[in-house]
Amino acid sequence: MKTISRQELMLRLEGVDFQAAAENIAYTFREAERKAESEGGQYIARKEFLNAIDHYMEKPCLDRAIILLEKYPSCLELFEFTKDPLQIWEKQFRKSRE
C-alpha cells in the first residue's frame, strides 16, 4: 500500500468539504452493503478500518482526515471528490431520488 506524507495530505485536502466527505464515505458503505446483499452475501471490513472511519465520522475535520488517510490512503479519492462542484451536484441529485 502506498503511503502519503502528512505534508502531501495537507496539500491534497486543501479545499475539501469534510462533511461532504463523511457523506461520501457513508454512501460508499451503504452501497457496498446493498451490493453484497443483492449478491447473497454480506459486506465485511476489518475492525481497525471501521474504527478509523468511525473516528473520522464523529467529527469530520482536517486533523481526523489526516489520521484516517495516513492509515488508509486509498480513501483519499472520497475526500478529493468534494472539491469538484459536479460531484456535489450529482450527490445532491442522488439524495433527492432516494
N, C-alpha and C. Protein backbone atom coordinates (compact mmCIF):
# COMPACT_ATOMS: atom_id res chain seq x y z
N MET A 1 0.84 -1.17 0.00
CA MET A 1 0.00 0.00 0.00
C MET A 1 0.89 1.24 0.00
N LYS A 2 0.58 2.16 -0.88
CA LYS A 2 1.35 3.40 -0.98
C LYS A 2 1.00 4.33 0.18
N THR A 3 2.02 4.88 0.83
CA THR A 3 1.76 5.84 1.89
C THR A 3 1.91 7.26 1.33
N ILE A 4 1.24 8.18 1.98
CA ILE A 4 1.29 9.58 1.57
C ILE A 4 1.76 10.38 2.77
N SER A 5 2.70 11.26 2.56
CA SER A 5 3.23 12.05 3.66
C SER A 5 2.16 13.00 4.20
N ARG A 6 2.32 13.39 5.44
CA ARG A 6 1.38 14.33 6.08
C ARG A 6 1.34 15.64 5.29
N GLN A 7 2.50 16.09 4.83
CA GLN A 7 2.57 17.34 4.08
C GLN A 7 1.77 17.23 2.78
N GLU A 8 1.94 16.12 2.06
CA GLU A 8 1.19 15.94 0.81
C GLU A 8 -0.30 15.83 1.09
N LEU A 9 -0.67 15.13 2.17
CA LEU A 9 -2.09 15.03 2.53
C LEU A 9 -2.68 16.40 2.78
N MET A 10 -1.96 17.24 3.50
CA MET A 10 -2.47 18.58 3.80
C MET A 10 -2.70 19.37 2.51
N LEU A 11 -1.80 19.23 1.55
CA LEU A 11 -1.96 19.91 0.26
C LEU A 11 -3.15 19.36 -0.50
N ARG A 12 -3.27 18.04 -0.54
CA ARG A 12 -4.35 17.41 -1.31
C ARG A 12 -5.72 17.60 -0.67
N LEU A 13 -5.74 17.86 0.63
CA LEU A 13 -7.01 18.07 1.32
C LEU A 13 -7.45 19.53 1.32
N GLU A 14 -6.62 20.40 0.78
CA GLU A 14 -6.98 21.81 0.71
C GLU A 14 -8.23 21.97 -0.16
N GLY A 15 -9.24 22.63 0.39
CA GLY A 15 -10.47 22.86 -0.35
C GLY A 15 -11.50 21.75 -0.21
N VAL A 16 -11.21 20.73 0.58
CA VAL A 16 -12.13 19.61 0.76
C VAL A 16 -13.26 20.02 1.70
N ASP A 17 -14.45 19.56 1.40
CA ASP A 17 -15.60 19.73 2.29
C ASP A 17 -15.66 18.47 3.15
N PHE A 18 -15.24 18.58 4.40
CA PHE A 18 -15.09 17.40 5.25
C PHE A 18 -16.43 16.75 5.60
N GLN A 19 -17.48 17.54 5.73
CA GLN A 19 -18.80 16.95 5.97
C GLN A 19 -19.26 16.18 4.73
N ALA A 20 -19.04 16.74 3.56
CA ALA A 20 -19.41 16.05 2.32
C ALA A 20 -18.60 14.76 2.17
N ALA A 21 -17.34 14.80 2.59
CA ALA A 21 -16.51 13.58 2.54
C ALA A 21 -17.09 12.51 3.45
N ALA A 22 -17.55 12.91 4.64
CA ALA A 22 -18.19 11.96 5.55
C ALA A 22 -19.42 11.35 4.90
N GLU A 23 -20.19 12.17 4.19
CA GLU A 23 -21.37 11.66 3.49
C GLU A 23 -20.98 10.72 2.36
N ASN A 24 -19.89 11.02 1.66
CA ASN A 24 -19.39 10.12 0.61
C ASN A 24 -19.01 8.77 1.19
N ILE A 25 -18.35 8.79 2.33
CA ILE A 25 -17.93 7.55 2.98
C ILE A 25 -19.16 6.74 3.39
N ALA A 26 -20.14 7.40 4.01
CA ALA A 26 -21.37 6.71 4.42
C ALA A 26 -22.09 6.12 3.21
N TYR A 27 -22.17 6.89 2.14
CA TYR A 27 -22.82 6.41 0.91
C TYR A 27 -22.09 5.19 0.35
N THR A 28 -20.77 5.24 0.35
CA THR A 28 -19.97 4.14 -0.17
C THR A 28 -20.22 2.86 0.63
N PHE A 29 -20.29 2.98 1.95
CA PHE A 29 -20.58 1.81 2.78
C PHE A 29 -21.98 1.27 2.55
N ARG A 30 -22.96 2.18 2.44
CA ARG A 30 -24.34 1.73 2.17
C ARG A 30 -24.41 0.97 0.85
N GLU A 31 -23.75 1.50 -0.18
CA GLU A 31 -23.77 0.84 -1.49
C GLU A 31 -23.05 -0.51 -1.45
N ALA A 32 -21.94 -0.59 -0.73
CA ALA A 32 -21.22 -1.87 -0.62
C ALA A 32 -22.09 -2.91 0.07
N GLU A 33 -22.78 -2.50 1.13
CA GLU A 33 -23.67 -3.42 1.83
C GLU A 33 -24.84 -3.84 0.94
N ARG A 34 -25.40 -2.88 0.23
CA ARG A 34 -26.52 -3.17 -0.67
C ARG A 34 -26.10 -4.15 -1.77
N LYS A 35 -24.93 -3.92 -2.35
CA LYS A 35 -24.45 -4.80 -3.42
C LYS A 35 -24.19 -6.20 -2.88
N ALA A 36 -23.56 -6.29 -1.73
CA ALA A 36 -23.28 -7.61 -1.15
C ALA A 36 -24.57 -8.37 -0.88
N GLU A 37 -25.57 -7.68 -0.32
CA GLU A 37 -26.85 -8.32 -0.04
C GLU A 37 -27.53 -8.78 -1.32
N SER A 38 -27.46 -7.98 -2.36
CA SER A 38 -28.12 -8.34 -3.62
C SER A 38 -27.46 -9.55 -4.27
N GLU A 39 -26.20 -9.79 -3.91
CA GLU A 39 -25.49 -10.95 -4.43
C GLU A 39 -25.51 -12.13 -3.46
N GLY A 40 -26.33 -12.00 -2.40
CA GLY A 40 -26.48 -13.09 -1.45
C GLY A 40 -25.38 -13.19 -0.41
N GLY A 41 -24.61 -12.16 -0.25
CA GLY A 41 -23.52 -12.18 0.72
C GLY A 41 -23.65 -11.05 1.71
N GLN A 42 -22.53 -10.72 2.31
CA GLN A 42 -22.52 -9.59 3.22
C GLN A 42 -21.19 -8.87 3.09
N TYR A 43 -21.20 -7.57 3.39
CA TYR A 43 -20.00 -6.75 3.31
C TYR A 43 -19.19 -6.96 4.57
N ILE A 44 -17.91 -7.23 4.40
CA ILE A 44 -17.02 -7.47 5.53
C ILE A 44 -15.85 -6.49 5.44
N ALA A 45 -15.55 -5.85 6.56
CA ALA A 45 -14.41 -4.92 6.63
C ALA A 45 -13.66 -5.18 7.93
N ARG A 46 -12.39 -4.84 7.92
CA ARG A 46 -11.57 -5.02 9.12
C ARG A 46 -12.03 -4.06 10.21
N LYS A 47 -12.01 -4.55 11.44
CA LYS A 47 -12.44 -3.75 12.58
C LYS A 47 -11.61 -2.48 12.72
N GLU A 48 -10.30 -2.57 12.47
CA GLU A 48 -9.42 -1.40 12.58
C GLU A 48 -9.84 -0.32 11.58
N PHE A 49 -10.20 -0.75 10.38
CA PHE A 49 -10.65 0.19 9.35
C PHE A 49 -11.95 0.86 9.78
N LEU A 50 -12.90 0.07 10.26
CA LEU A 50 -14.19 0.63 10.68
C LEU A 50 -14.01 1.58 11.86
N ASN A 51 -13.10 1.26 12.78
CA ASN A 51 -12.83 2.15 13.90
C ASN A 51 -12.24 3.48 13.42
N ALA A 52 -11.34 3.42 12.45
CA ALA A 52 -10.74 4.64 11.89
C ALA A 52 -11.80 5.48 11.19
N ILE A 53 -12.69 4.83 10.46
CA ILE A 53 -13.79 5.53 9.79
C ILE A 53 -14.71 6.17 10.83
N ASP A 54 -15.08 5.42 11.86
CA ASP A 54 -15.95 5.94 12.91
C ASP A 54 -15.34 7.17 13.58
N HIS A 55 -14.04 7.11 13.84
CA HIS A 55 -13.36 8.24 14.48
C HIS A 55 -13.49 9.49 13.61
N TYR A 56 -13.30 9.34 12.31
CA TYR A 56 -13.45 10.48 11.41
C TYR A 56 -14.90 10.97 11.39
N MET A 57 -15.84 10.04 11.30
CA MET A 57 -17.24 10.40 11.14
C MET A 57 -17.79 11.12 12.38
N GLU A 58 -17.22 10.87 13.56
CA GLU A 58 -17.68 11.54 14.77
C GLU A 58 -17.49 13.06 14.69
N LYS A 59 -16.40 13.47 14.02
CA LYS A 59 -16.11 14.90 13.90
C LYS A 59 -15.28 15.11 12.62
N PRO A 60 -15.95 15.20 11.47
CA PRO A 60 -15.22 15.35 10.20
C PRO A 60 -14.43 16.66 10.18
N CYS A 61 -13.12 16.55 10.16
CA CYS A 61 -12.25 17.73 10.13
C CYS A 61 -10.88 17.33 9.55
N LEU A 62 -10.05 18.31 9.30
CA LEU A 62 -8.74 18.08 8.70
C LEU A 62 -7.90 17.12 9.53
N ASP A 63 -7.80 17.35 10.83
CA ASP A 63 -6.95 16.50 11.67
C ASP A 63 -7.37 15.04 11.61
N ARG A 64 -8.66 14.80 11.71
CA ARG A 64 -9.13 13.41 11.68
C ARG A 64 -9.03 12.80 10.29
N ALA A 65 -9.17 13.63 9.27
CA ALA A 65 -8.98 13.12 7.91
C ALA A 65 -7.54 12.67 7.71
N ILE A 66 -6.60 13.44 8.21
CA ILE A 66 -5.18 13.08 8.08
C ILE A 66 -4.89 11.78 8.82
N ILE A 67 -5.43 11.64 10.03
CA ILE A 67 -5.23 10.41 10.80
C ILE A 67 -5.76 9.21 10.02
N LEU A 68 -6.95 9.35 9.45
CA LEU A 68 -7.56 8.27 8.67
C LEU A 68 -6.73 7.96 7.43
N LEU A 69 -6.35 9.00 6.70
CA LEU A 69 -5.67 8.79 5.42
C LEU A 69 -4.21 8.35 5.56
N GLU A 70 -3.60 8.64 6.69
CA GLU A 70 -2.25 8.11 6.90
C GLU A 70 -2.28 6.59 7.00
N LYS A 71 -3.36 6.06 7.56
CA LYS A 71 -3.51 4.60 7.67
C LYS A 71 -4.14 3.99 6.43
N TYR A 72 -5.08 4.72 5.81
CA TYR A 72 -5.85 4.19 4.68
C TYR A 72 -5.87 5.20 3.53
N PRO A 73 -4.73 5.37 2.86
CA PRO A 73 -4.65 6.37 1.78
C PRO A 73 -5.58 6.08 0.60
N SER A 74 -6.05 4.87 0.49
CA SER A 74 -6.96 4.55 -0.62
C SER A 74 -8.29 5.29 -0.50
N CYS A 75 -8.59 5.85 0.66
CA CYS A 75 -9.84 6.61 0.86
C CYS A 75 -9.72 8.05 0.36
N LEU A 76 -8.55 8.48 -0.03
CA LEU A 76 -8.34 9.88 -0.41
C LEU A 76 -9.29 10.34 -1.50
N GLU A 77 -9.59 9.49 -2.43
CA GLU A 77 -10.49 9.86 -3.53
C GLU A 77 -11.86 10.32 -3.02
N LEU A 78 -12.34 9.70 -1.95
CA LEU A 78 -13.64 10.08 -1.40
C LEU A 78 -13.62 11.51 -0.86
N PHE A 79 -12.45 11.97 -0.45
CA PHE A 79 -12.29 13.34 0.02
C PHE A 79 -12.12 14.30 -1.16
N GLU A 80 -11.29 13.90 -2.12
CA GLU A 80 -11.00 14.77 -3.26
C GLU A 80 -12.23 15.03 -4.12
N PHE A 81 -13.17 14.09 -4.15
CA PHE A 81 -14.41 14.30 -4.92
C PHE A 81 -15.14 15.54 -4.47
N THR A 82 -15.02 15.91 -3.20
CA THR A 82 -15.79 17.03 -2.68
C THR A 82 -15.30 18.38 -3.18
N LYS A 83 -14.16 18.40 -3.86
CA LYS A 83 -13.65 19.65 -4.43
C LYS A 83 -14.31 19.96 -5.77
N ASP A 84 -14.92 18.97 -6.39
CA ASP A 84 -15.50 19.09 -7.72
C ASP A 84 -16.98 19.44 -7.62
N PRO A 85 -17.37 20.63 -8.05
CA PRO A 85 -18.79 21.03 -7.95
C PRO A 85 -19.73 20.06 -8.65
N LEU A 86 -19.30 19.44 -9.71
CA LEU A 86 -20.15 18.48 -10.42
C LEU A 86 -20.44 17.27 -9.52
N GLN A 87 -19.46 16.81 -8.77
CA GLN A 87 -19.67 15.69 -7.87
C GLN A 87 -20.67 16.05 -6.78
N ILE A 88 -20.58 17.28 -6.28
CA ILE A 88 -21.50 17.72 -5.23
C ILE A 88 -22.92 17.78 -5.78
N TRP A 89 -23.07 18.30 -6.99
CA TRP A 89 -24.39 18.35 -7.63
C TRP A 89 -24.93 16.94 -7.81
N GLU A 90 -24.10 16.01 -8.28
CA GLU A 90 -24.54 14.64 -8.52
C GLU A 90 -24.98 13.99 -7.21
N LYS A 91 -24.23 14.22 -6.13
CA LYS A 91 -24.58 13.65 -4.83
C LYS A 91 -25.94 14.18 -4.38
N GLN A 92 -26.18 15.48 -4.55
CA GLN A 92 -27.46 16.06 -4.15
C GLN A 92 -28.59 15.50 -5.00
N PHE A 93 -28.32 15.27 -6.28
CA PHE A 93 -29.31 14.69 -7.17
C PHE A 93 -29.66 13.27 -6.73
N ARG A 94 -28.62 12.47 -6.39
CA ARG A 94 -28.86 11.09 -5.93
C ARG A 94 -29.69 11.11 -4.65
N LYS A 95 -29.36 12.01 -3.72
CA LYS A 95 -30.10 12.09 -2.46
C LYS A 95 -31.57 12.39 -2.71
N SER A 96 -31.84 13.31 -3.64
CA SER A 96 -33.23 13.69 -3.90
C SER A 96 -34.02 12.54 -4.51
N ARG A 97 -33.33 11.60 -5.15
CA ARG A 97 -34.02 10.46 -5.78
C ARG A 97 -34.22 9.31 -4.81
N GLU A 98 -33.54 9.32 -3.66
CA GLU A 98 -33.64 8.20 -2.69
C GLU A 98 -34.87 8.27 -1.85
